[in-house]
Amino acid sequence: MNTRIQVEHPVTEMVTGIDLVKTQIGVAAGKPLPFGQADV
């Protein structure tokens, strides 16, 4: 398990439309995930 953002994270961003870096920052600030499994 790589416990970080990956070099290849944009691949997932392109097919899901989810900004992983912004989500990372929100989670670190204590925000809940803005999506659930059914939303992906």
Full PDB file with SEQRES, HELIX, SHEET, SSBOND, CRYST1, ORIGX, SCALE, CONECT and MASTER records, all heavy atoms in Angstrom:
SEQRES   1 A   40  MET ASN THR ARG ILE GLN VAL GLU HIS PRO VAL THR GLU          
SEQRES   2 A   40  MET VAL THR GLY ILE ASP LEU VAL LYS THR GLN ILE GLY          
SEQRES   3 A   40  VAL ALA ALA GLY LYS PRO LEU PRO PHE GLY GLN ALA ASP          
SEQRES   4 A   40  VAL                                                          
HELIX    1 AA1 HIS A    9  THR A   16  1                                   8    
HELIX    2 AA2 LEU A   20  ALA A   28  1                                   9    
HELIX    3 AA3 GLN A   37  ASP A   39  5                                   3    
CRYST1    1.000    1.000    1.000  90.00  90.00  90.00 P 1           1          
ORIGX1      1.000000  0.000000  0.000000        0.00000                         
ORIGX2      0.000000  1.000000  0.000000        0.00000                         
ORIGX3      0.000000  0.000000  1.000000        0.00000                         
SCALE1      1.000000  0.000000  0.000000        0.00000                         
SCALE2      0.000000  1.000000  0.000000        0.00000                         
SCALE3      0.000000  0.000000  1.000000        0.00000                         
ATOM      1  N   MET A   1       0.846  -1.183   0.000  1.00  0.00           N  
ATOM      2  CA  MET A   1       0.000   0.000   0.000  1.00  0.00           C  
ATOM      3  C   MET A   1       0.881   1.232   0.000  1.00  0.00           C  
ATOM      4  O   MET A   1       1.788   1.362   0.828  1.00  0.00           O  
ATOM      5  CB  MET A   1      -0.937   0.042   1.207  1.00  0.00           C  
ATOM      6  CG  MET A   1      -1.890   1.236   1.162  1.00  0.00           C  
ATOM      7  SD  MET A   1      -3.102   1.250   2.500  1.00  0.00           S  
ATOM      8  CE  MET A   1      -4.178   2.596   1.933  1.00  0.00           C  
ATOM      9  N   ASN A   2       0.629   2.136  -0.942  1.00  0.00           N  
ATOM     10  CA  ASN A   2       1.310   3.417  -0.974  1.00  0.00           C  
ATOM     11  C   ASN A   2       0.459   4.434  -0.231  1.00  0.00           C  
ATOM     12  O   ASN A   2      -0.655   4.754  -0.655  1.00  0.00           O  
ATOM     13  CB  ASN A   2       1.545   3.877  -2.410  1.00  0.00           C  
ATOM     14  CG  ASN A   2       2.539   2.996  -3.137  1.00  0.00           C  
ATOM     15  OD1 ASN A   2       2.268   2.489  -4.213  1.00  0.00           O  
ATOM     16  ND2 ASN A   2       3.706   2.783  -2.568  1.00  0.00           N  
ATOM     17  N   THR A   3       0.991   4.937   0.870  1.00  0.00           N  
ATOM     18  CA  THR A   3       0.214   5.821   1.746  1.00  0.00           C  
ATOM     19  C   THR A   3       0.396   7.284   1.360  1.00  0.00           C  
ATOM     20  O   THR A   3       0.800   8.121   2.170  1.00  0.00           O  
ATOM     21  CB  THR A   3       0.618   5.581   3.211  1.00  0.00           C  
ATOM     22  OG1 THR A   3       2.045   5.726   3.330  1.00  0.00           O  
ATOM     23  CG2 THR A   3       0.229   4.188   3.664  1.00  0.00           C  
ATOM     24  N   ARG A   4       0.078   7.590   0.111  1.00  0.00           N  
ATOM     25  CA  ARG A   4       0.274   8.937  -0.424  1.00  0.00           C  
ATOM     26  C   ARG A   4      -0.489   9.055  -1.734  1.00  0.00           C  
ATOM     27  O   ARG A   4      -1.030   8.065  -2.244  1.00  0.00           O  
ATOM     28  CB  ARG A   4       1.759   9.187  -0.692  1.00  0.00           C  
ATOM     29  CG  ARG A   4       2.401   8.110  -1.591  1.00  0.00           C  
ATOM     30  CD  ARG A   4       3.833   8.422  -1.929  1.00  0.00           C  
ATOM     31  NE  ARG A   4       4.545   7.304  -2.504  1.00  0.00           N  
ATOM     32  CZ  ARG A   4       4.468   6.904  -3.764  1.00  0.00           C  
ATOM     33  NH1 ARG A   4       3.671   7.554  -4.606  1.00  0.00           N  
ATOM     34  NH2 ARG A   4       5.158   5.870  -4.204  1.00  0.00           N  
ATOM     35  N   ILE A   5      -0.519  10.261  -2.278  1.00  0.00           N  
ATOM     36  CA  ILE A   5      -1.025  10.444  -3.634  1.00  0.00           C  
ATOM     37  C   ILE A   5      -0.001   9.809  -4.571  1.00  0.00           C  
ATOM     38  O   ILE A   5       1.202   9.853  -4.326  1.00  0.00           O  
ATOM     39  CB  ILE A   5      -1.231  11.942  -3.957  1.00  0.00           C  
ATOM     40  CG1 ILE A   5      -2.129  12.145  -5.183  1.00  0.00           C  
ATOM     41  CG2 ILE A   5       0.084  12.672  -4.129  1.00  0.00           C  
ATOM     42  CD1 ILE A   5      -3.578  12.005  -4.904  1.00  0.00           C  
ATOM     43  N   GLN A   6      -0.475   9.203  -5.663  1.00  0.00           N  
ATOM     44  CA  GLN A   6       0.421   8.530  -6.586  1.00  0.00           C  
ATOM     45  C   GLN A   6       0.758   9.426  -7.786  1.00  0.00           C  
ATOM     46  O   GLN A   6      -0.019  10.308  -8.157  1.00  0.00           O  
ATOM     47  CB  GLN A   6      -0.229   7.251  -7.126  1.00  0.00           C  
ATOM     48  CG  GLN A   6      -0.364   6.147  -6.086  1.00  0.00           C  
ATOM     49  CD  GLN A   6       0.917   5.349  -5.941  1.00  0.00           C  
ATOM     50  OE1 GLN A   6       1.837   5.792  -5.270  1.00  0.00           O  
ATOM     51  NE2 GLN A   6       0.984   4.197  -6.552  1.00  0.00           N  
ATOM     52  N   VAL A   7       1.886   9.152  -8.419  1.00  0.00           N  
ATOM     53  CA  VAL A   7       2.239   9.851  -9.648  1.00  0.00           C  
ATOM     54  C   VAL A   7       1.089   9.760 -10.655  1.00  0.00           C  
ATOM     55  O   VAL A   7       0.744  10.725 -11.333  1.00  0.00           O  
ATOM     56  CB  VAL A   7       3.523   9.266 -10.268  1.00  0.00           C  
ATOM     57  CG1 VAL A   7       3.857   9.948 -11.586  1.00  0.00           C  
ATOM     58  CG2 VAL A   7       4.696   9.384  -9.301  1.00  0.00           C  
ATOM     59  N   GLU A   8       0.469   8.586 -10.737  1.00  0.00           N  
ATOM     60  CA  GLU A   8      -0.541   8.322 -11.766  1.00  0.00           C  
ATOM     61  C   GLU A   8      -1.960   8.696 -11.354  1.00  0.00           C  
ATOM     62  O   GLU A   8      -2.934   8.306 -12.012  1.00  0.00           O  
ATOM     63  CB  GLU A   8      -0.488   6.854 -12.183  1.00  0.00           C  
ATOM     64  CG  GLU A   8      -0.732   5.850 -11.063  1.00  0.00           C  
ATOM     65  CD  GLU A   8       0.534   5.450 -10.321  1.00  0.00           C  
ATOM     66  OE1 GLU A   8       1.541   6.201 -10.359  1.00  0.00           O  
ATOM     67  OE2 GLU A   8       0.522   4.389  -9.671  1.00  0.00           O  
ATOM     68  N   HIS A   9      -2.117   9.499 -10.296  1.00  0.00           N  
ATOM     69  CA  HIS A   9      -3.470   9.837  -9.840  1.00  0.00           C  
ATOM     70  C   HIS A   9      -4.330  10.533 -10.908  1.00  0.00           C  
ATOM     71  O   HIS A   9      -5.561  10.381 -10.895  1.00  0.00           O  
ATOM     72  CB  HIS A   9      -3.420  10.692  -8.572  1.00  0.00           C  
ATOM     73  CG  HIS A   9      -3.037  12.119  -8.790  1.00  0.00           C  
ATOM     74  ND1 HIS A   9      -1.728  12.554  -8.812  1.00  0.00           N  
ATOM     75  CD2 HIS A   9      -3.796  13.226  -9.022  1.00  0.00           C  
ATOM     76  CE1 HIS A   9      -1.702  13.852  -9.034  1.00  0.00           C  
ATOM     77  NE2 HIS A   9      -2.943  14.291  -9.168  1.00  0.00           N  
ATOM     78  N   PRO A  10      -3.752  11.297 -11.873  1.00  0.00           N  
ATOM     79  CA  PRO A  10      -4.622  11.934 -12.876  1.00  0.00           C  
ATOM     80  C   PRO A  10      -5.419  10.951 -13.732  1.00  0.00           C  
ATOM     81  O   PRO A  10      -6.464  11.317 -14.273  1.00  0.00           O  
ATOM     82  CB  PRO A  10      -3.640  12.737 -13.739  1.00  0.00           C  
ATOM     83  CG  PRO A  10      -2.473  12.995 -12.849  1.00  0.00           C  
ATOM     84  CD  PRO A  10      -2.355  11.756 -12.030  1.00  0.00           C  
ATOM     85  N   VAL A  11      -4.933   9.718 -13.866  1.00  0.00           N  
ATOM     86  CA  VAL A  11      -5.683   8.712 -14.622  1.00  0.00           C  
ATOM     87  C   VAL A  11      -7.057   8.517 -13.994  1.00  0.00           C  
ATOM     88  O   VAL A  11      -8.092   8.515 -14.683  1.00  0.00           O  
ATOM     89  CB  VAL A  11      -4.907   7.372 -14.667  1.00  0.00           C  
ATOM     90  CG1 VAL A  11      -5.731   6.297 -15.358  1.00  0.00           C  
ATOM     91  CG2 VAL A  11      -3.569   7.549 -15.375  1.00  0.00           C  
ATOM     92  N   THR A  12      -7.070   8.369 -12.673  1.00  0.00           N  
ATOM     93  CA  THR A  12      -8.336   8.202 -11.957  1.00  0.00           C  
ATOM     94  C   THR A  12      -9.177   9.473 -12.020  1.00  0.00           C  
ATOM     95  O   THR A  12     -10.400   9.417 -12.158  1.00  0.00           O  
ATOM     96  CB  THR A  12      -8.058   7.802 -10.496  1.00  0.00           C  
ATOM     97  OG1 THR A  12      -7.395   6.528 -10.485  1.00  0.00           O  
ATOM     98  CG2 THR A  12      -9.343   7.713  -9.688  1.00  0.00           C  
ATOM     99  N   GLU A  13      -8.526  10.631 -11.920  1.00  0.00           N  
ATOM    100  CA  GLU A  13      -9.277  11.883 -12.012  1.00  0.00           C  
ATOM    101  C   GLU A  13     -10.000  12.005 -13.353  1.00  0.00           C  
ATOM    102  O   GLU A  13     -11.138  12.498 -13.406  1.00  0.00           O  
ATOM    103  CB  GLU A  13      -8.325  13.067 -11.818  1.00  0.00           C  
ATOM    104  CG  GLU A  13      -7.769  13.168 -10.403  1.00  0.00           C  
ATOM    105  CD  GLU A  13      -6.887  14.378 -10.192  1.00  0.00           C  
ATOM    106  OE1 GLU A  13      -6.214  14.820 -11.143  1.00  0.00           O  
ATOM    107  OE2 GLU A  13      -6.850  14.890  -9.055  1.00  0.00           O  
ATOM    108  N   MET A  14      -9.374  11.555 -14.419  1.00  0.00           N  
ATOM    109  CA  MET A  14      -9.979  11.712 -15.740  1.00  0.00           C  
ATOM    110  C   MET A  14     -11.198  10.818 -15.933  1.00  0.00           C  
ATOM    111  O   MET A  14     -12.156  11.209 -16.596  1.00  0.00           O  
ATOM    112  CB  MET A  14      -8.939  11.455 -16.829  1.00  0.00           C  
ATOM    113  CG  MET A  14      -7.847  12.516 -16.871  1.00  0.00           C  
ATOM    114  SD  MET A  14      -6.801  12.442 -18.339  1.00  0.00           S  
ATOM    115  CE  MET A  14      -7.786  13.393 -19.514  1.00  0.00           C  
ATOM    116  N   VAL A  15     -11.176   9.615 -15.363  1.00  0.00           N  
ATOM    117  CA  VAL A  15     -12.314   8.720 -15.580  1.00  0.00           C  
ATOM    118  C   VAL A  15     -13.419   8.903 -14.540  1.00  0.00           C  
ATOM    119  O   VAL A  15     -14.568   8.503 -14.770  1.00  0.00           O  
ATOM    120  CB  VAL A  15     -11.881   7.233 -15.625  1.00  0.00           C  
ATOM    121  CG1 VAL A  15     -10.975   6.978 -16.816  1.00  0.00           C  
ATOM    122  CG2 VAL A  15     -11.225   6.785 -14.333  1.00  0.00           C  
ATOM    123  N   THR A  16     -13.092   9.506 -13.384  1.00  0.00           N  
ATOM    124  CA  THR A  16     -14.117   9.711 -12.356  1.00  0.00           C  
ATOM    125  C   THR A  16     -14.608  11.152 -12.274  1.00  0.00           C  
ATOM    126  O   THR A  16     -15.686  11.399 -11.735  1.00  0.00           O  
ATOM    127  CB  THR A  16     -13.586   9.325 -10.955  1.00  0.00           C  
ATOM    128  OG1 THR A  16     -12.491  10.186 -10.613  1.00  0.00           O  
ATOM    129  CG2 THR A  16     -13.147   7.870 -10.922  1.00  0.00           C  
ATOM    130  N   GLY A  17     -13.803  12.121 -12.752  1.00  0.00           N  
ATOM    131  CA  GLY A  17     -14.162  13.524 -12.600  1.00  0.00           C  
ATOM    132  C   GLY A  17     -13.943  14.048 -11.193  1.00  0.00           C  
ATOM    133  O   GLY A  17     -14.388  15.156 -10.868  1.00  0.00           O  
ATOM    134  N   ILE A  18     -13.251  13.287 -10.344  1.00  0.00           N  
ATOM    135  CA  ILE A  18     -13.012  13.674  -8.951  1.00  0.00           C  
ATOM    136  C   ILE A  18     -11.596  14.217  -8.814  1.00  0.00           C  
ATOM    137  O   ILE A  18     -10.626  13.582  -9.238  1.00  0.00           O  
ATOM    138  CB  ILE A  18     -13.208  12.473  -8.007  1.00  0.00           C  
ATOM    139  CG1 ILE A  18     -14.682  12.040  -8.014  1.00  0.00           C  
ATOM    140  CG2 ILE A  18     -12.756  12.815  -6.587  1.00  0.00           C  
ATOM    141  CD1 ILE A  18     -14.937  10.740  -7.282  1.00  0.00           C  
ATOM    142  N   ASP A  19     -11.452  15.401  -8.227  1.00  0.00           N  
ATOM    143  CA  ASP A  19     -10.145  16.004  -7.981  1.00  0.00           C  
ATOM    144  C   ASP A  19      -9.582  15.401  -6.691  1.00  0.00           C  
ATOM    145  O   ASP A  19     -10.026  15.719  -5.587  1.00  0.00           O  
ATOM    146  CB  ASP A  19     -10.273  17.524  -7.861  1.00  0.00           C  
ATOM    147  CG  ASP A  19      -8.933  18.238  -7.819  1.00  0.00           C  
ATOM    148  OD1 ASP A  19      -8.058  17.798  -7.055  1.00  0.00           O  
ATOM    149  OD2 ASP A  19      -8.767  19.241  -8.550  1.00  0.00           O  
ATOM    150  N   LEU A  20      -8.606  14.518  -6.824  1.00  0.00           N  
ATOM    151  CA  LEU A  20      -8.084  13.802  -5.666  1.00  0.00           C  
ATOM    152  C   LEU A  20      -7.284  14.709  -4.736  1.00  0.00           C  
ATOM    153  O   LEU A  20      -7.306  14.526  -3.518  1.00  0.00           O  
ATOM    154  CB  LEU A  20      -7.211  12.628  -6.130  1.00  0.00           C  
ATOM    155  CG  LEU A  20      -7.918  11.538  -6.940  1.00  0.00           C  
ATOM    156  CD1 LEU A  20      -6.950  10.411  -7.268  1.00  0.00           C  
ATOM    157  CD2 LEU A  20      -9.116  10.988  -6.188  1.00  0.00           C  
ATOM    158  N   VAL A  21      -6.578  15.681  -5.287  1.00  0.00           N  
ATOM    159  CA  VAL A  21      -5.769  16.563  -4.435  1.00  0.00           C  
ATOM    160  C   VAL A  21      -6.661  17.481  -3.608  1.00  0.00           C  
ATOM    161  O   VAL A  21      -6.443  17.666  -2.411  1.00  0.00           O  
ATOM    162  CB  VAL A  21      -4.766  17.361  -5.282  1.00  0.00           C  
ATOM    163  CG1 VAL A  21      -3.984  18.330  -4.403  1.00  0.00           C  
ATOM    164  CG2 VAL A  21      -3.804  16.419  -6.003  1.00  0.00           C  
ATOM    165  N   LYS A  22      -7.678  18.039  -4.224  1.00  0.00           N  
ATOM    166  CA  LYS A  22      -8.618  18.861  -3.457  1.00  0.00           C  
ATOM    167  C   LYS A  22      -9.310  18.033  -2.374  1.00  0.00           C  
ATOM    168  O   LYS A  22      -9.525  18.507  -1.254  1.00  0.00           O  
ATOM    169  CB  LYS A  22      -9.671  19.471  -4.379  1.00  0.00           C  
ATOM    170  CG  LYS A  22      -9.178  20.610  -5.244  1.00  0.00           C  
ATOM    171  CD  LYS A  22     -10.346  21.185  -6.039  1.00  0.00           C  
ATOM    172  CE  LYS A  22      -9.921  22.315  -6.939  1.00  0.00           C  
ATOM    173  NZ  LYS A  22     -11.050  22.853  -7.728  1.00  0.00           N  
ATOM    174  N   THR A  23      -9.661  16.792  -2.714  1.00  0.00           N  
ATOM    175  CA  THR A  23     -10.307  15.924  -1.725  1.00  0.00           C  
ATOM    176  C   THR A  23      -9.365  15.627  -0.575  1.00  0.00           C  
ATOM    177  O   THR A  23      -9.759  15.642   0.601  1.00  0.00           O  
ATOM    178  CB  THR A  23     -10.781  14.618  -2.382  1.00  0.00           C  
ATOM    179  OG1 THR A  23     -11.607  14.915  -3.506  1.00  0.00           O  
ATOM    180  CG2 THR A  23     -11.570  13.770  -1.399  1.00  0.00           C  
ATOM    181  N   GLN A  24      -8.095  15.351  -0.881  1.00  0.00           N  
ATOM    182  CA  GLN A  24      -7.070  15.170   0.151  1.00  0.00           C  
ATOM    183  C   GLN A  24      -7.051  16.338   1.125  1.00  0.00           C  
ATOM    184  O   GLN A  24      -7.021  16.153   2.346  1.00  0.00           O  
ATOM    185  CB  GLN A  24      -5.698  15.119  -0.512  1.00  0.00           C  
ATOM    186  CG  GLN A  24      -5.056  13.802  -0.768  1.00  0.00           C  
ATOM    187  CD  GLN A  24      -3.604  14.004  -1.139  1.00  0.00           C  
ATOM    188  OE1 GLN A  24      -3.263  14.800  -2.011  1.00  0.00           O  
ATOM    189  NE2 GLN A  24      -2.724  13.288  -0.467  1.00  0.00           N  
ATOM    190  N   ILE A  25      -7.007  17.538   0.582  1.00  0.00           N  
ATOM    191  CA  ILE A  25      -6.908  18.735   1.413  1.00  0.00           C  
ATOM    192  C   ILE A  25      -8.153  18.887   2.284  1.00  0.00           C  
ATOM    193  O   ILE A  25      -8.064  19.213   3.478  1.00  0.00           O  
ATOM    194  CB  ILE A  25      -6.687  19.975   0.526  1.00  0.00           C  
ATOM    195  CG1 ILE A  25      -5.318  19.880  -0.166  1.00  0.00           C  
ATOM    196  CG2 ILE A  25      -6.794  21.264   1.338  1.00  0.00           C  
ATOM    197  CD1 ILE A  25      -5.096  20.909  -1.267  1.00  0.00           C  
ATOM    198  N   GLY A  26      -9.313  18.627   1.697  1.00  0.00           N  
ATOM    199  CA  GLY A  26     -10.547  18.718   2.473  1.00  0.00           C  
ATOM    200  C   GLY A  26     -10.588  17.730   3.620  1.00  0.00           C  
ATOM    201  O   GLY A  26     -10.971  18.071   4.746  1.00  0.00           O  
ATOM    202  N   VAL A  27     -10.180  16.496   3.355  1.00  0.00           N  
ATOM    203  CA  VAL A  27     -10.156  15.468   4.402  1.00  0.00           C  
ATOM    204  C   VAL A  27      -9.201  15.868   5.522  1.00  0.00           C  
ATOM    205  O   VAL A  27      -9.511  15.706   6.709  1.00  0.00           O  
ATOM    206  CB  VAL A  27      -9.760  14.106   3.784  1.00  0.00           C  
ATOM    207  CG1 VAL A  27      -9.366  13.113   4.874  1.00  0.00           C  
ATOM    208  CG2 VAL A  27     -10.906  13.546   2.950  1.00  0.00           C  
ATOM    209  N   ALA A  28      -8.027  16.396   5.158  1.00  0.00           N  
ATOM    210  CA  ALA A  28      -7.054  16.807   6.170  1.00  0.00           C  
ATOM    211  C   ALA A  28      -7.590  17.930   7.048  1.00  0.00           C  
ATOM    212  O   ALA A  28      -7.197  18.069   8.213  1.00  0.00           O  
ATOM    213  CB  ALA A  28      -5.760  17.246   5.497  1.00  0.00           C  
ATOM    214  N   ALA A  29      -8.505  18.734   6.498  1.00  0.00           N  
ATOM    215  CA  ALA A  29      -9.121  19.823   7.260  1.00  0.00           C  
ATOM    216  C   ALA A  29     -10.316  19.353   8.071  1.00  0.00           C  
ATOM    217  O   ALA A  29     -10.977  20.161   8.728  1.00  0.00           O  
ATOM    218  CB  ALA A  29      -9.545  20.938   6.313  1.00  0.00           C  
ATOM    219  N   GLY A  30     -10.597  18.055   8.030  1.00  0.00           N  
ATOM    220  CA  GLY A  30     -11.690  17.503   8.823  1.00  0.00           C  
ATOM    221  C   GLY A  30     -13.013  17.398   8.109  1.00  0.00           C  
ATOM    222  O   GLY A  30     -14.030  17.052   8.717  1.00  0.00           O  
ATOM    223  N   LYS A  31     -13.049  17.683   6.824  1.00  0.00           N  
ATOM    224  CA  LYS A  31     -14.288  17.590   6.057  1.00  0.00           C  
ATOM    225  C   LYS A  31     -14.604  16.134   5.720  1.00  0.00           C  
ATOM    226  O   LYS A  31     -13.689  15.335   5.493  1.00  0.00           O  
ATOM    227  CB  LYS A  31     -14.173  18.398   4.762  1.00  0.00           C  
ATOM    228  CG  LYS A  31     -13.888  19.876   4.962  1.00  0.00           C  
ATOM    229  CD  LYS A  31     -15.058  20.586   5.590  1.00  0.00           C  
ATOM    230  CE  LYS A  31     -14.804  22.095   5.681  1.00  0.00           C  
ATOM    231  NZ  LYS A  31     -15.917  22.810   6.353  1.00  0.00           N  
ATOM    232  N   PRO A  32     -15.874  15.774   5.650  1.00  0.00           N  
ATOM    233  CA  PRO A  32     -16.220  14.417   5.218  1.00  0.00           C  
ATOM    234  C   PRO A  32     -16.002  14.262   3.716  1.00  0.00           C  
ATOM    235  O   PRO A  32     -15.963  15.262   2.981  1.00  0.00           O  
ATOM    236  CB  PRO A  32     -17.705  14.307   5.575  1.00  0.00           C  
ATOM    237  CG  PRO A  32     -18.212  15.714   5.520  1.00  0.00           C  
ATOM    238  CD  PRO A  32     -17.069  16.572   6.001  1.00  0.00           C  
ATOM    239  N   LEU A  33     -15.862  13.037   3.274  1.00  0.00           N  
ATOM    240  CA  LEU A  33     -15.777  12.806   1.834  1.00  0.00           C  
ATOM    241  C   LEU A  33     -17.008  13.379   1.153  1.00  0.00           C  
ATOM    242  O   LEU A  33     -18.138  13.146   1.613  1.00  0.00           O  
ATOM    243  CB  LEU A  33     -15.686  11.301   1.538  1.00  0.00           C  
ATOM    244  CG  LEU A  33     -14.364  10.605   1.842  1.00  0.00           C  
ATOM    245  CD1 LEU A  33     -14.490   9.115   1.537  1.00  0.00           C  
ATOM    246  CD2 LEU A  33     -13.227  11.218   1.046  1.00  0.00           C  
ATOM    247  N   PRO A  34     -16.845  14.111   0.054  1.00  0.00           N  
ATOM    248  CA  PRO A  34     -18.000  14.700  -0.626  1.00  0.00           C  
ATOM    249  C   PRO A  34     -18.719  13.713  -1.545  1.00  0.00           C  
ATOM    250  O   PRO A  34     -19.586  14.106  -2.305  1.00  0.00           O  
ATOM    251  CB  PRO A  34     -17.363  15.843  -1.436  1.00  0.00           C  
ATOM    252  CG  PRO A  34     -15.988  15.370  -1.724  1.00  0.00           C  
ATOM    253  CD  PRO A  34     -15.557  14.558  -0.534  1.00  0.00           C  
ATOM    254  N   PHE A  35     -18.357  12.447  -1.477  1.00  0.00           N  
ATOM    255  CA  PHE A  35     -18.990  11.427  -2.306  1.00  0.00           C  
ATOM    256  C   PHE A  35     -18.956  10.103  -1.557  1.00  0.00           C  
ATOM    257  O   PHE A  35     -18.136   9.880  -0.657  1.00  0.00           O  
ATOM    258  CB  PHE A  35     -18.264  11.282  -3.651  1.00  0.00           C  
ATOM    259  CG  PHE A  35     -16.767  11.127  -3.523  1.00  0.00           C  
ATOM    260  CD1 PHE A  35     -16.184   9.896  -3.233  1.00  0.00           C  
ATOM    261  CD2 PHE A  35     -15.932  12.230  -3.674  1.00  0.00           C  
ATOM    262  CE1 PHE A  35     -14.822   9.765  -3.093  1.00  0.00           C  
ATOM    263  CE2 PHE A  35     -14.553  12.097  -3.538  1.00  0.00           C  
ATOM    264  CZ  PHE A  35     -13.995  10.865  -3.240  1.00  0.00           C  
ATOM    265  N   GLY A  36     -19.890   9.225  -1.895  1.00  0.00           N  
ATOM    266  CA  GLY A  36     -19.909   7.874  -1.368  1.00  0.00           C  
ATOM    267  C   GLY A  36     -19.588   6.882  -2.472  1.00  0.00           C  
ATOM    268  O   GLY A  36     -19.405   7.262  -3.628  1.00  0.00           O  
ATOM    269  N   GLN A  37     -19.565   5.591  -2.120  1.00  0.00           N  
ATOM    270  CA  GLN A  37     -19.208   4.589  -3.122  1.00  0.00           C  
ATOM    271  C   GLN A  37     -20.163   4.600  -4.303  1.00  0.00           C  
ATOM    272  O   GLN A  37     -19.748   4.447  -5.453  1.00  0.00           O  
ATOM    273  CB  GLN A  37     -19.186   3.193  -2.485  1.00  0.00           C  
ATOM    274  CG  GLN A  37     -18.532   2.133  -3.347  1.00  0.00           C  
ATOM    275  CD  GLN A  37     -17.067   2.437  -3.608  1.00  0.00           C  
ATOM    276  OE1 GLN A  37     -16.242   2.453  -2.711  1.00  0.00           O  
ATOM    277  NE2 GLN A  37     -16.720   2.698  -4.859  1.00  0.00           N  
ATOM    278  N   ALA A  38     -21.436   4.812  -4.048  1.00  0.00           N  
ATOM    279  CA  ALA A  38     -22.426   4.801  -5.135  1.00  0.00           C  
ATOM    280  C   ALA A  38     -22.258   5.986  -6.079  1.00  0.00           C  
ATOM    281  O   ALA A  38     -22.747   5.944  -7.217  1.00  0.00           O  
ATOM    282  CB  ALA A  38     -23.838   4.789  -4.553  1.00  0.00           C  
ATOM    283  N   ASP A  39     -21.570   7.042  -5.600  1.00  0.00           N  
ATOM    284  CA  ASP A  39     -21.381   8.229  -6.439  1.00  0.00           C  
ATOM    285  C   ASP A  39     -20.206   8.089  -7.403  1.00  0.00           C  
ATOM    286  O   ASP A  39     -20.047   8.912  -8.306  1.00  0.00           O  
ATOM    287  CB  ASP A  39     -21.146   9.464  -5.555  1.00  0.00           C  
ATOM    288  CG  ASP A  39     -22.295   9.720  -4.599  1.00  0.00           C  
ATOM    289  OD1 ASP A  39     -23.448   9.681  -5.060  1.00  0.00           O  
ATOM    290  OD2 ASP A  39     -22.028   9.943  -3.399  1.00  0.00           O  
ATOM    291  N   VAL A  40     -19.374   7.087  -7.187  1.00  0.00           N  
ATOM    292  CA  VAL A  40     -18.176   6.896  -8.023  1.00  0.00           C  
ATOM    293  C   VAL A  40     -18.567   6.058  -9.239  1.00  0.00           C  
ATOM    294  O   VAL A  40     -18.816   4.856  -9.127  1.00  0.00           O  
ATOM    295  CB  VAL A  40     -17.048   6.214  -7.240  1.00  0.00           C  
ATOM    296  CG1 VAL A  40     -15.815   6.029  -8.127  1.00  0.00           C  
ATOM    297  CG2 VAL A  40     -16.692   7.019  -5.993  1.00  0.00           C  
TER     298      VAL A  40                                                      
MASTER        0    0    0    3    0    0    0    6  297    1    0    4          
END                                                                             
